[in-house]
Protein backbone atom coordinates (compact mmCIF):
# COMPACT_ATOMS: atom_id res chain seq x y z
CA MET A 1 5.86 32.80 -133.98
CA ALA A 2 3.92 35.98 -135.08
CA LEU A 3 2.25 35.97 -138.51
CA TYR A 4 3.30 39.15 -140.16
CA THR A 5 1.00 39.76 -143.14
CA GLN A 6 -0.34 42.85 -144.87
CA ALA A 7 -3.42 42.63 -142.74
CA HIS A 8 -1.37 42.50 -139.55
CA THR A 9 1.24 45.15 -140.30
CA SER A 10 1.17 48.88 -141.00
CA VAL A 11 4.38 51.08 -141.67
CA LYS A 12 4.41 54.73 -142.27
CA ILE A 13 7.43 57.09 -142.65
CA PHE A 14 7.23 60.87 -141.90
CA VAL A 15 10.05 63.16 -142.95
CA GLY A 16 10.26 66.73 -141.75
CA ASP A 17 11.78 69.30 -139.30
CA LEU A 18 11.51 68.97 -135.53
CA THR A 19 11.76 71.67 -132.90
CA ALA A 20 12.07 71.32 -129.17
CA THR A 21 8.68 72.92 -128.63
CA GLU A 22 6.51 70.67 -130.88
CA THR A 23 3.86 68.73 -129.10
CA SER A 24 1.03 66.57 -130.50
CA THR A 25 -1.36 69.42 -130.25
CA THR A 26 0.68 71.87 -132.28
CA PRO A 27 -1.16 72.35 -135.55
CA GLY A 28 0.83 71.60 -138.65
CA SER A 29 3.72 70.12 -136.59
CA LEU A 30 5.33 66.73 -137.35
CA ALA A 31 4.54 65.56 -133.83
CA LYS A 32 0.83 66.19 -134.43
CA GLU A 33 1.08 64.32 -137.81
CA VAL A 34 2.59 61.34 -136.16
CA ASN A 35 0.18 61.36 -133.23
CA ASP A 36 -2.82 61.61 -135.57
CA TYR A 37 -1.64 58.67 -137.62
CA ILE A 38 -1.15 56.57 -134.67
CA LEU A 39 -4.71 57.44 -133.52
CA THR A 40 -6.02 55.99 -136.80
CA LEU A 41 -4.48 52.60 -136.12
CA ASP A 42 -7.22 50.01 -135.02
CA SER A 43 -6.32 48.61 -131.71
CA THR A 44 -8.01 45.24 -132.59
CA ASN A 45 -5.79 44.83 -135.54
CA ILE A 46 -2.68 46.71 -134.52
CA SER A 47 -1.74 46.03 -130.92
CA ASN A 48 2.14 46.78 -130.91
CA ILE A 49 3.41 50.23 -132.12
CA SER A 50 7.23 50.96 -132.67
CA VAL A 51 8.42 54.44 -133.34
CA SER A 52 12.05 55.07 -134.36
CA THR A 53 13.81 58.29 -135.61
CA SER A 54 16.93 58.96 -137.51
CA PRO A 55 18.46 62.20 -138.98
CA LEU A 56 18.11 62.65 -142.71
CA GLY A 57 19.88 65.41 -144.57
CA GLY A 58 19.18 68.19 -142.05
CA LYS A 59 15.67 66.70 -141.37
CA PHE A 60 14.34 63.72 -139.36
CA ALA A 61 12.77 60.60 -140.48
CA ILE A 62 10.14 59.05 -138.16
CA THR A 63 9.19 55.50 -138.74
CA VAL A 64 5.90 54.08 -137.18
CA VAL A 65 5.41 50.36 -137.44
CA GLY A 66 2.28 48.80 -136.12
CA THR A 67 1.95 44.94 -135.88
CA LEU A 68 -0.61 42.53 -134.25
């Protein structure tokens, strides 16, 4: 069984508006913000990344979970 400790788990929640034209290269976009966060994760400590979305009062919540 995996050992999920603070050292082996990273969670960040982003909330914002999404448009169909956003890409990870669009400055100021939620897509870029999420992409930039994923790029900061250390692949030697965080090897599995899960991304989920859900509507939240007219906006979207994007949850990124990284685990070893």
